[in-house]
């Protein structure tokens, strides 16, 4: 969970390389905190706190599609 005292500031980067260097300078935990914060802002507290849905599908060999390597 993202702490309420986590400082937030808006950064504007002049290039994708500059943004990449910025995020690589952060620790893995800081990057995870940023992702959690952005998900919570986009989807809301209820969606982020809800359990993940688990889906299992069991297929048969007939469901597999055969693609010959020669017909690329």
C-alpha atoms as a PDB file:
ATOM      1  CA  UNK A   1       0.000   0.000   0.000  1.00  0.00           C
ATOM      2  CA  UNK A   2       1.222   3.479  -0.822  1.00  0.00           C
ATOM      3  CA  UNK A   3       1.846   5.614   2.244  1.00  0.00           C
ATOM      4  CA  UNK A   4      -0.131   8.852   2.643  1.00  0.00           C
ATOM      5  CA  UNK A   5       3.096  10.758   3.256  1.00  0.00           C
ATOM      6  CA  UNK A   6       4.618   9.631  -0.074  1.00  0.00           C
ATOM      7  CA  UNK A   7       5.731  12.853  -1.803  1.00  0.00           C
ATOM      8  CA  UNK A   8       4.139  13.474  -5.192  1.00  0.00           C
ATOM      9  CA  UNK A   9       5.541  15.826  -7.800  1.00  0.00           C
ATOM     10  CA  UNK A  10       4.849  16.215 -11.497  1.00  0.00           C
ATOM     11  CA  UNK A  11       7.905  15.759 -13.681  1.00  0.00           C
ATOM     12  CA  UNK A  12       8.142  16.698 -17.338  1.00  0.00           C
ATOM     13  CA  UNK A  13      10.838  14.991 -19.363  1.00  0.00           C
ATOM     14  CA  UNK A  14      12.297  16.346 -22.574  1.00  0.00           C
ATOM     15  CA  UNK A  15      12.956  12.881 -24.019  1.00  0.00           C
ATOM     16  CA  UNK A  16      12.089   9.219 -23.424  1.00  0.00           C
ATOM     17  CA  UNK A  17      15.743   8.555 -22.605  1.00  0.00           C
ATOM     18  CA  UNK A  18      15.658  11.147 -19.825  1.00  0.00           C
ATOM     19  CA  UNK A  19      12.504   9.564 -18.378  1.00  0.00           C
ATOM     20  CA  UNK A  20      14.071   6.102 -18.572  1.00  0.00           C
ATOM     21  CA  UNK A  21      17.179   7.292 -16.729  1.00  0.00           C
ATOM     22  CA  UNK A  22      14.994   8.875 -14.058  1.00  0.00           C
ATOM     23  CA  UNK A  23      13.098   5.647 -13.364  1.00  0.00           C
ATOM     24  CA  UNK A  24      16.259   3.542 -13.451  1.00  0.00           C
ATOM     25  CA  UNK A  25      17.739   5.833 -10.793  1.00  0.00           C
ATOM     26  CA  UNK A  26      14.883   4.877  -8.434  1.00  0.00           C
ATOM     27  CA  UNK A  27      14.893   1.781  -6.273  1.00  0.00           C
ATOM     28  CA  UNK A  28      12.609  -1.113  -7.233  1.00  0.00           C
ATOM     29  CA  UNK A  29      10.400  -0.341  -4.233  1.00  0.00           C
ATOM     30  CA  UNK A  30      10.004   3.307  -5.329  1.00  0.00           C
ATOM     31  CA  UNK A  31       8.977   2.156  -8.816  1.00  0.00           C
ATOM     32  CA  UNK A  32       6.429  -0.283  -7.365  1.00  0.00           C
ATOM     33  CA  UNK A  33       5.023   2.479  -5.140  1.00  0.00           C
ATOM     34  CA  UNK A  34       4.592   4.717  -8.201  1.00  0.00           C
ATOM     35  CA  UNK A  35       2.746   1.955 -10.085  1.00  0.00           C
ATOM     36  CA  UNK A  36       0.451   1.287  -7.112  1.00  0.00           C
ATOM     37  CA  UNK A  37      -0.274   4.998  -6.776  1.00  0.00           C
ATOM     38  CA  UNK A  38      -1.104   5.383 -10.497  1.00  0.00           C
ATOM     39  CA  UNK A  39      -3.373   2.305 -10.435  1.00  0.00           C
ATOM     40  CA  UNK A  40      -5.222   3.645  -7.402  1.00  0.00           C
ATOM     41  CA  UNK A  41      -5.671   7.059  -9.066  1.00  0.00           C
ATOM     42  CA  UNK A  42      -6.940   5.509 -12.301  1.00  0.00           C
ATOM     43  CA  UNK A  43      -9.146   2.683 -10.990  1.00  0.00           C
ATOM     44  CA  UNK A  44     -10.043   3.856  -7.475  1.00  0.00           C
ATOM     45  CA  UNK A  45      -9.682   2.328  -4.035  1.00  0.00           C
ATOM     46  CA  UNK A  46     -12.460  -0.257  -4.407  1.00  0.00           C
ATOM     47  CA  UNK A  47     -10.994  -1.790  -7.575  1.00  0.00           C
ATOM     48  CA  UNK A  48      -7.448  -1.858  -6.173  1.00  0.00           C
ATOM     49  CA  UNK A  49      -8.491  -3.439  -2.865  1.00  0.00           C
ATOM     50  CA  UNK A  50     -10.755  -6.102  -4.425  1.00  0.00           C
ATOM     51  CA  UNK A  51      -9.335  -9.625  -4.739  1.00  0.00           C
ATOM     52  CA  UNK A  52      -8.066 -10.659  -8.160  1.00  0.00           C
ATOM     53  CA  UNK A  53     -10.369 -12.865 -10.193  1.00  0.00           C
ATOM     54  CA  UNK A  54      -8.949 -16.281 -10.971  1.00  0.00           C
ATOM     55  CA  UNK A  55      -9.940 -18.032 -14.179  1.00  0.00           C
ATOM     56  CA  UNK A  56      -9.004 -21.557 -15.209  1.00  0.00           C
ATOM     57  CA  UNK A  57      -9.804 -22.947 -18.627  1.00  0.00           C
ATOM     58  CA  UNK A  58      -9.208 -26.566 -19.516  1.00  0.00           C
ATOM     59  CA  UNK A  59      -9.016 -27.273 -23.221  1.00  0.00           C
ATOM     60  CA  UNK A  60      -8.560 -30.349 -25.334  1.00  0.00           C
ATOM     61  CA  UNK A  61      -6.189 -31.046 -28.176  1.00  0.00           C
ATOM     62  CA  UNK A  62      -8.943 -30.094 -30.619  1.00  0.00           C
ATOM     63  CA  UNK A  63      -8.773 -26.530 -29.303  1.00  0.00           C
ATOM     64  CA  UNK A  64      -5.133 -26.167 -30.325  1.00  0.00           C
ATOM     65  CA  UNK A  65      -4.465 -24.605 -33.700  1.00  0.00           C
ATOM     66  CA  UNK A  66      -1.777 -26.222 -35.805  1.00  0.00           C
ATOM     67  CA  UNK A  67       0.272 -23.816 -37.905  1.00  0.00           C
ATOM     68  CA  UNK A  68       2.842 -25.478 -40.174  1.00  0.00           C
ATOM     69  CA  UNK A  69       6.243 -23.775 -40.094  1.00  0.00           C
ATOM     70  CA  UNK A  70       6.578 -23.929 -43.894  1.00  0.00           C
ATOM     71  CA  UNK A  71       3.481 -21.731 -44.500  1.00  0.00           C
ATOM     72  CA  UNK A  72       4.768 -18.508 -42.891  1.00  0.00           C
END
